[in-house]
Amino acid sequence: PWLSVVQAEVGSYTIRLGEGEEFEVSPGGFFIAPGQVTQYIIHHSAPASGRMAARWVFLEAVINGSYRLDSVFDFPCLIEPGRARLNERFDRLFSADSICARMSEVYLLLGKLLELGEEKKRVRGDLLEVSDYIARHYDSDIDVAKLASIAHMSESNFYAAFRSTFGLSPMAYLNRVRLSTASVMLTESDRPINEIAACVGFPDPLYFSRQFKKLFAVSPRGYRGKVR
């Protein structure tokens, strides 16, 4: 659910974001992935050692208290080793020995990302308000009528505009946010699956499991076991 910056330290990646093209991330290289986009990743171990190692940062950065960074900027998927000195930023971030030093390095990393990014040219502010409302209230009871009212549009006009901008229907986008958030909760906590389902807006755990498996091709329990 967050903007991802990932480096292949040992070995390499093949990465595809959503329905986009595939990229090969060489050893030492980076990829950047916006939030709410499915990442299809193949890990390639280094031939000499048979090992694969990586380090990554998930960023929940908000501009002016309103818009997510990746709602306003487009970032290149592939960053070759040495470009923009991201490796140096990662070295300093991961070796920081205090919360103040770590947060300073996060802001410097954000500065590097802004150097690499380009401001979106065709983003409607009313639709950004809707996407950010979903990001903050995905656990609530939300329907198309509610989202259309936030955008100050009729339901039919809102549906067409939202799908054109985000490539998904409003409810499919909402479910993607809920399920991607659940995937993080499954790996970072031992909370029961039915409790996680309720926390992300699925009061029916069976429906949650069906939707999760449809997106991730594995049940929530299976996902938790595979990742761990």
Foldseek 3Di string as FASTA:
>chain_A
DFKKKKAWQFFWKWKDWAPHDIDTAGHQKIFIDGPLIDIDMDTGGHPVPRDTDMDMDGDQDADPVAFGPVLFKDAGGIGHHPPLCVVVLVVQLVPDDDPVSNVVSVVVNVVSRVVRIDTDDDHDPLLRNLLVCLLVPLLDDDDLVVSCVSSVHDSVVVQVVNCVVPVDGPVVSSLSSLLVVLLVCLQPDPDDQCVSCNRRHHNDSVVVQVSNCVVVVDGSVVSNVVVD
